[in-house]
Amino acid sequence: MSKGEPVILTQFIREKRWIPANREEALKIIADEMPETDPEGTLAYLLSEVKRVSQVTLGECRFKALQTS
């Protein structure tokens, strides 16, 4: 992730653990889950949404920001 972007955690719906994902991993997950969308644009949307809501679900994967406090 670039400076200023939150650290993203991912969790597939069949999993119990949240796993940290870097930008490339997040883009691959997005491309796999939603191949008809633009991965970069979708990632930008996810990054903005996880700042204001607890988590976002895309296909079978959940995304959330790592809480740092």
PDB file of N, CA and C in Angstrom:
ATOM      1  N   MET A   1       0.842  -1.165   0.000  1.00  0.00           N
ATOM      2  CA  MET A   1       0.000   0.000   0.000  1.00  0.00           C
ATOM      3  C   MET A   1       0.893   1.236   0.000  1.00  0.00           C
ATOM      4  N   SER A   2       0.449   2.260  -0.632  1.00  0.00           N
ATOM      5  CA  SER A   2       1.236   3.474  -0.647  1.00  0.00           C
ATOM      6  C   SER A   2       0.995   4.269   0.631  1.00  0.00           C
ATOM      7  N   LYS A   3       1.839   5.250   0.855  1.00  0.00           N
ATOM      8  CA  LYS A   3       1.736   6.040   2.077  1.00  0.00           C
ATOM      9  C   LYS A   3       0.372   6.721   2.140  1.00  0.00           C
ATOM     10  N   GLY A   4      -0.252   6.660   3.290  1.00  0.00           N
ATOM     11  CA  GLY A   4      -1.565   7.264   3.462  1.00  0.00           C
ATOM     12  C   GLY A   4      -2.714   6.300   3.268  1.00  0.00           C
ATOM     13  N   GLU A   5      -2.471   5.174   2.601  1.00  0.00           N
ATOM     14  CA  GLU A   5      -3.523   4.171   2.429  1.00  0.00           C
ATOM     15  C   GLU A   5      -3.566   3.285   3.665  1.00  0.00           C
ATOM     16  N   PRO A   6      -4.767   2.903   4.104  1.00  0.00           N
ATOM     17  CA  PRO A   6      -4.844   2.005   5.257  1.00  0.00           C
ATOM     18  C   PRO A   6      -4.320   0.621   4.899  1.00  0.00           C
ATOM     19  N   VAL A   7      -3.844  -0.101   5.902  1.00  0.00           N
ATOM     20  CA  VAL A   7      -3.471  -1.497   5.691  1.00  0.00           C
ATOM     21  C   VAL A   7      -4.768  -2.276   5.551  1.00  0.00           C
ATOM     22  N   ILE A   8      -4.877  -3.047   4.481  1.00  0.00           N
ATOM     23  CA  ILE A   8      -6.096  -3.798   4.206  1.00  0.00           C
ATOM     24  C   ILE A   8      -5.977  -5.204   4.773  1.00  0.00           C
ATOM     25  N   LEU A   9      -7.038  -5.645   5.409  1.00  0.00           N
ATOM     26  CA  LEU A   9      -7.159  -7.029   5.856  1.00  0.00           C
ATOM     27  C   LEU A   9      -8.224  -7.694   5.001  1.00  0.00           C
ATOM     28  N   THR A  10      -8.000  -8.949   4.633  1.00  0.00           N
ATOM     29  CA  THR A  10      -8.969  -9.683   3.821  1.00  0.00           C
ATOM     30  C   THR A  10      -9.396 -10.952   4.543  1.00  0.00           C
ATOM     31  N   GLN A  11     -10.614 -11.370   4.230  1.00  0.00           N
ATOM     32  CA  GLN A  11     -11.143 -12.605   4.810  1.00  0.00           C
ATOM     33  C   GLN A  11     -12.166 -13.174   3.834  1.00  0.00           C
ATOM     34  N   PHE A  12     -11.895 -14.366   3.311  1.00  0.00           N
ATOM     35  CA  PHE A  12     -12.901 -15.027   2.490  1.00  0.00           C
ATOM     36  C   PHE A  12     -14.001 -15.541   3.403  1.00  0.00           C
ATOM     37  N   ILE A  13     -15.223 -15.605   2.907  1.00  0.00           N
ATOM     38  CA  ILE A  13     -16.364 -15.916   3.769  1.00  0.00           C
ATOM     39  C   ILE A  13     -16.254 -17.277   4.440  1.00  0.00           C
ATOM     40  N   ARG A  14     -15.480 -18.177   3.884  1.00  0.00           N
ATOM     41  CA  ARG A  14     -15.330 -19.504   4.494  1.00  0.00           C
ATOM     42  C   ARG A  14     -14.188 -19.546   5.517  1.00  0.00           C
ATOM     43  N   GLU A  15     -13.490 -18.427   5.714  1.00  0.00           N
ATOM     44  CA  GLU A  15     -12.362 -18.364   6.642  1.00  0.00           C
ATOM     45  C   GLU A  15     -12.746 -17.640   7.928  1.00  0.00           C
ATOM     46  N   LYS A  16     -11.969 -17.864   8.972  1.00  0.00           N
ATOM     47  CA  LYS A  16     -12.214 -17.198  10.249  1.00  0.00           C
ATOM     48  C   LYS A  16     -11.184 -16.113  10.542  1.00  0.00           C
ATOM     49  N   ARG A  17      -9.997 -16.208   9.938  1.00  0.00           N
ATOM     50  CA  ARG A  17      -8.916 -15.260  10.204  1.00  0.00           C
ATOM     51  C   ARG A  17      -8.890 -14.141   9.174  1.00  0.00           C
ATOM     52  N   TRP A  18      -8.531 -12.947   9.631  1.00  0.00           N
ATOM     53  CA  TRP A  18      -8.269 -11.819   8.741  1.00  0.00           C
ATOM     54  C   TRP A  18      -6.785 -11.846   8.386  1.00  0.00           C
ATOM     55  N   ILE A  19      -6.475 -11.689   7.096  1.00  0.00           N
ATOM     56  CA  ILE A  19      -5.102 -11.763   6.595  1.00  0.00           C
ATOM     57  C   ILE A  19      -4.715 -10.402   5.997  1.00  0.00           C
ATOM     58  N   PRO A  20      -3.551  -9.839   6.359  1.00  0.00           N
ATOM     59  CA  PRO A  20      -3.107  -8.595   5.727  1.00  0.00           C
ATOM     60  C   PRO A  20      -2.834  -8.820   4.234  1.00  0.00           C
ATOM     61  N   ALA A  21      -3.171  -7.842   3.422  1.00  0.00           N
ATOM     62  CA  ALA A  21      -2.934  -7.932   1.977  1.00  0.00           C
ATOM     63  C   ALA A  21      -2.260  -6.654   1.500  1.00  0.00           C
ATOM     64  N   ASN A  22      -1.232  -6.809   0.672  1.00  0.00           N
ATOM     65  CA  ASN A  22      -0.625  -5.627   0.072  1.00  0.00           C
ATOM     66  C   ASN A  22      -1.431  -5.233  -1.168  1.00  0.00           C
ATOM     67  N   ARG A  23      -1.030  -4.164  -1.808  1.00  0.00           N
ATOM     68  CA  ARG A  23      -1.778  -3.631  -2.954  1.00  0.00           C
ATOM     69  C   ARG A  23      -1.917  -4.668  -4.072  1.00  0.00           C
ATOM     70  N   GLU A  24      -0.835  -5.363  -4.398  1.00  0.00           N
ATOM     71  CA  GLU A  24      -0.865  -6.345  -5.489  1.00  0.00           C
ATOM     72  C   GLU A  24      -1.805  -7.506  -5.163  1.00  0.00           C
ATOM     73  N   GLU A  25      -1.756  -7.970  -3.916  1.00  0.00           N
ATOM     74  CA  GLU A  25      -2.652  -9.058  -3.507  1.00  0.00           C
ATOM     75  C   GLU A  25      -4.111  -8.617  -3.562  1.00  0.00           C
ATOM     76  N   ALA A  26      -4.374  -7.397  -3.096  1.00  0.00           N
ATOM     77  CA  ALA A  26      -5.745  -6.881  -3.135  1.00  0.00           C
ATOM     78  C   ALA A  26      -6.236  -6.767  -4.579  1.00  0.00           C
ATOM     79  N   LEU A  27      -5.375  -6.296  -5.480  1.00  0.00           N
ATOM     80  CA  LEU A  27      -5.763  -6.186  -6.893  1.00  0.00           C
ATOM     81  C   LEU A  27      -6.054  -7.560  -7.492  1.00  0.00           C
ATOM     82  N   LYS A  28      -5.271  -8.568  -7.131  1.00  0.00           N
ATOM     83  CA  LYS A  28      -5.508  -9.923  -7.640  1.00  0.00           C
ATOM     84  C   LYS A  28      -6.831 -10.474  -7.126  1.00  0.00           C
ATOM     85  N   ILE A  29      -7.110 -10.264  -5.839  1.00  0.00           N
ATOM     86  CA  ILE A  29      -8.386 -10.723  -5.278  1.00  0.00           C
ATOM     87  C   ILE A  29      -9.548 -10.050  -5.998  1.00  0.00           C
ATOM     88  N   ILE A  30      -9.445  -8.749  -6.212  1.00  0.00           N
ATOM     89  CA  ILE A  30     -10.508  -8.009  -6.899  1.00  0.00           C
ATOM     90  C   ILE A  30     -10.693  -8.545  -8.309  1.00  0.00           C
ATOM     91  N   ALA A  31      -9.589  -8.763  -9.029  1.00  0.00           N
ATOM     92  CA  ALA A  31      -9.678  -9.281 -10.401  1.00  0.00           C
ATOM     93  C   ALA A  31     -10.305 -10.673 -10.429  1.00  0.00           C
ATOM     94  N   ASP A  32      -9.991 -11.503  -9.433  1.00  0.00           N
ATOM     95  CA  ASP A  32     -10.569 -12.850  -9.366  1.00  0.00           C
ATOM     96  C   ASP A  32     -12.052 -12.816  -9.005  1.00  0.00           C
ATOM     97  N   GLU A  33     -12.420 -11.958  -8.058  1.00  0.00           N
ATOM     98  CA  GLU A  33     -13.800 -11.902  -7.571  1.00  0.00           C
ATOM     99  C   GLU A  33     -14.738 -11.158  -8.522  1.00  0.00           C
ATOM    100  N   MET A  34     -14.234 -10.121  -9.164  1.00  0.00           N
ATOM    101  CA  MET A  34     -15.060  -9.287 -10.045  1.00  0.00           C
ATOM    102  C   MET A  34     -14.304  -9.008 -11.346  1.00  0.00           C
ATOM    103  N   PRO A  35     -14.151 -10.014 -12.213  1.00  0.00           N
ATOM    104  CA  PRO A  35     -13.323  -9.841 -13.412  1.00  0.00           C
ATOM    105  C   PRO A  35     -13.847  -8.784 -14.388  1.00  0.00           C
ATOM    106  N   GLU A  36     -15.114  -8.440 -14.294  1.00  0.00           N
ATOM    107  CA  GLU A  36     -15.683  -7.463 -15.223  1.00  0.00           C
ATOM    108  C   GLU A  36     -15.418  -6.019 -14.804  1.00  0.00           C
ATOM    109  N   THR A  37     -14.822  -5.814 -13.620  1.00  0.00           N
ATOM    110  CA  THR A  37     -14.578  -4.451 -13.147  1.00  0.00           C
ATOM    111  C   THR A  37     -13.119  -4.061 -13.333  1.00  0.00           C
ATOM    112  N   ASP A  38     -12.859  -2.771 -13.193  1.00  0.00           N
ATOM    113  CA  ASP A  38     -11.499  -2.241 -13.220  1.00  0.00           C
ATOM    114  C   ASP A  38     -10.900  -2.427 -11.822  1.00  0.00           C
ATOM    115  N   PRO A  39      -9.882  -3.274 -11.664  1.00  0.00           N
ATOM    116  CA  PRO A  39      -9.332  -3.529 -10.327  1.00  0.00           C
ATOM    117  C   PRO A  39      -8.817  -2.270  -9.623  1.00  0.00           C
ATOM    118  N   GLU A  40      -8.150  -1.386 -10.343  1.00  0.00           N
ATOM    119  CA  GLU A  40      -7.615  -0.162  -9.729  1.00  0.00           C
ATOM    120  C   GLU A  40      -8.742   0.719  -9.198  1.00  0.00           C
ATOM    121  N   GLY A  41      -9.785   0.904 -10.000  1.00  0.00           N
ATOM    122  CA  GLY A  41     -10.921   1.717  -9.574  1.00  0.00           C
ATOM    123  C   GLY A  41     -11.660   1.091  -8.406  1.00  0.00           C
ATOM    124  N   THR A  42     -11.804  -0.225  -8.446  1.00  0.00           N
ATOM    125  CA  THR A  42     -12.483  -0.930  -7.360  1.00  0.00           C
ATOM    126  C   THR A  42     -11.667  -0.845  -6.078  1.00  0.00           C
ATOM    127  N   LEU A  43     -10.345  -0.968  -6.179  1.00  0.00           N
ATOM    128  CA  LEU A  43      -9.497  -0.844  -4.997  1.00  0.00           C
ATOM    129  C   LEU A  43      -9.602   0.561  -4.411  1.00  0.00           C
ATOM    130  N   ALA A  44      -9.603   1.572  -5.256  1.00  0.00           N
ATOM    131  CA  ALA A  44      -9.752   2.948  -4.767  1.00  0.00           C
ATOM    132  C   ALA A  44     -11.072   3.105  -4.014  1.00  0.00           C
ATOM    133  N   TYR A  45     -12.137   2.531  -4.552  1.00  0.00           N
ATOM    134  CA  TYR A  45     -13.441   2.567  -3.883  1.00  0.00           C
ATOM    135  C   TYR A  45     -13.370   1.839  -2.537  1.00  0.00           C
ATOM    136  N   LEU A  46     -12.796   0.632  -2.517  1.00  0.00           N
ATOM    137  CA  LEU A  46     -12.688  -0.132  -1.272  1.00  0.00           C
ATOM    138  C   LEU A  46     -11.901   0.638  -0.214  1.00  0.00           C
ATOM    139  N   LEU A  47     -10.800   1.262  -0.620  1.00  0.00           N
ATOM    140  CA  LEU A  47      -9.982   2.011   0.329  1.00  0.00           C
ATOM    141  C   LEU A  47     -10.748   3.181   0.928  1.00  0.00           C
ATOM    142  N   SER A  48     -11.565   3.842   0.110  1.00  0.00           N
ATOM    143  CA  SER A  48     -12.354   4.954   0.652  1.00  0.00           C
ATOM    144  C   SER A  48     -13.464   4.448   1.568  1.00  0.00           C
ATOM    145  N   GLU A  49     -14.059   3.323   1.231  1.00  0.00           N
ATOM    146  CA  GLU A  49     -15.160   2.785   2.033  1.00  0.00           C
ATOM    147  C   GLU A  49     -14.695   2.202   3.360  1.00  0.00           C
ATOM    148  N   VAL A  50     -13.566   1.506   3.385  1.00  0.00           N
ATOM    149  CA  VAL A  50     -13.125   0.898   4.644  1.00  0.00           C
ATOM    150  C   VAL A  50     -12.682   1.948   5.657  1.00  0.00           C
ATOM    151  N   LYS A  51     -12.474   3.176   5.206  1.00  0.00           N
ATOM    152  CA  LYS A  51     -12.170   4.260   6.141  1.00  0.00           C
ATOM    153  C   LYS A  51     -13.419   4.691   6.904  1.00  0.00           C
ATOM    154  N   ARG A  52     -14.607   4.485   6.304  1.00  0.00           N
ATOM    155  CA  ARG A  52     -15.822   4.978   6.953  1.00  0.00           C
ATOM    156  C   ARG A  52     -16.755   3.880   7.459  1.00  0.00           C
ATOM    157  N   VAL A  53     -16.659   2.667   6.952  1.00  0.00           N
ATOM    158  CA  VAL A  53     -17.484   1.558   7.450  1.00  0.00           C
ATOM    159  C   VAL A  53     -16.561   0.443   7.936  1.00  0.00           C
ATOM    160  N   SER A  54     -17.090  -0.471   8.716  1.00  0.00           N
ATOM    161  CA  SER A  54     -16.221  -1.488   9.310  1.00  0.00           C
ATOM    162  C   SER A  54     -15.658  -2.469   8.291  1.00  0.00           C
ATOM    163  N   GLN A  55     -16.473  -2.878   7.308  1.00  0.00           N
ATOM    164  CA  GLN A  55     -15.966  -3.799   6.289  1.00  0.00           C
ATOM    165  C   GLN A  55     -16.805  -3.703   5.027  1.00  0.00           C
ATOM    166  N   VAL A  56     -16.200  -4.146   3.926  1.00  0.00           N
ATOM    167  CA  VAL A  56     -16.862  -4.168   2.624  1.00  0.00           C
ATOM    168  C   VAL A  56     -16.718  -5.579   2.073  1.00  0.00           C
ATOM    169  N   THR A  57     -17.806  -6.130   1.542  1.00  0.00           N
ATOM    170  CA  THR A  57     -17.771  -7.461   0.945  1.00  0.00           C
ATOM    171  C   THR A  57     -17.797  -7.324  -0.568  1.00  0.00           C
ATOM    172  N   LEU A  58     -16.896  -8.039  -1.218  1.00  0.00           N
ATOM    173  CA  LEU A  58     -16.809  -8.059  -2.672  1.00  0.00           C
ATOM    174  C   LEU A  58     -16.769  -9.518  -3.088  1.00  0.00           C
ATOM    175  N   GLY A  59     -17.846 -10.002  -3.686  1.00  0.00           N
ATOM    176  CA  GLY A  59     -17.916 -11.416  -4.023  1.00  0.00           C
ATOM    177  C   GLY A  59     -17.882 -12.238  -2.754  1.00  0.00           C
ATOM    178  N   GLU A  60     -16.895 -13.125  -2.644  1.00  0.00           N
ATOM    179  CA  GLU A  60     -16.763 -13.969  -1.456  1.00  0.00           C
ATOM    180  C   GLU A  60     -15.640 -13.509  -0.530  1.00  0.00           C
ATOM    181  N   CYS A  61     -15.184 -12.267  -0.699  1.00  0.00           N
ATOM    182  CA  CYS A  61     -14.093 -11.751   0.124  1.00  0.00           C
ATOM    183  C   CYS A  61     -14.520 -10.474   0.835  1.00  0.00           C
ATOM    184  N   ARG A  62     -14.161 -10.391   2.102  1.00  0.00           N
ATOM    185  CA  ARG A  62     -14.415  -9.187   2.888  1.00  0.00           C
ATOM    186  C   ARG A  62     -13.107  -8.408   3.009  1.00  0.00           C
ATOM    187  N   PHE A  63     -13.234  -7.095   3.027  1.00  0.00           N
ATOM    188  CA  PHE A  63     -12.091  -6.205   3.193  1.00  0.00           C
ATOM    189  C   PHE A  63     -12.368  -5.291   4.373  1.00  0.00           C
ATOM    190  N   LYS A  64     -11.340  -5.012   5.172  1.00  0.00           N
ATOM    191  CA  LYS A  64     -11.456  -3.998   6.217  1.00  0.00           C
ATOM    192  C   LYS A  64     -10.087  -3.389   6.451  1.00  0.00           C
ATOM    193  N   ALA A  65     -10.086  -2.222   7.089  1.00  0.00           N
ATOM    194  CA  ALA A  65      -8.830  -1.548   7.398  1.00  0.00           C
ATOM    195  C   ALA A  65      -8.312  -2.046   8.734  1.00  0.00           C
ATOM    196  N   LEU A  66      -7.003  -2.161   8.842  1.00  0.00           N
ATOM    197  CA  LEU A  66      -6.373  -2.522  10.101  1.00  0.00           C
ATOM    198  C   LEU A  66      -6.539  -1.355  11.059  1.00  0.00           C
ATOM    199  N   GLN A  67      -7.086  -1.624  12.219  1.00  0.00           N
ATOM    200  CA  GLN A  67      -7.271  -0.587  13.234  1.00  0.00           C
ATOM    201  C   GLN A  67      -5.939  -0.311  13.908  1.00  0.00           C
ATOM    202  N   THR A  68      -5.495   0.930  13.843  1.00  0.00           N
ATOM    203  CA  THR A  68      -4.235   1.315  14.481  1.00  0.00           C
ATOM    204  C   THR A  68      -4.519   2.386  15.520  1.00  0.00           C
ATOM    205  N   SER A  69      -4.614   1.985  16.758  1.00  0.00           N
ATOM    206  CA  SER A  69      -4.798   2.958  17.839  1.00  0.00           C
ATOM    207  C   SER A  69      -4.308   2.410  19.146  1.00  0.00           C
TER     208      SER A  69
END
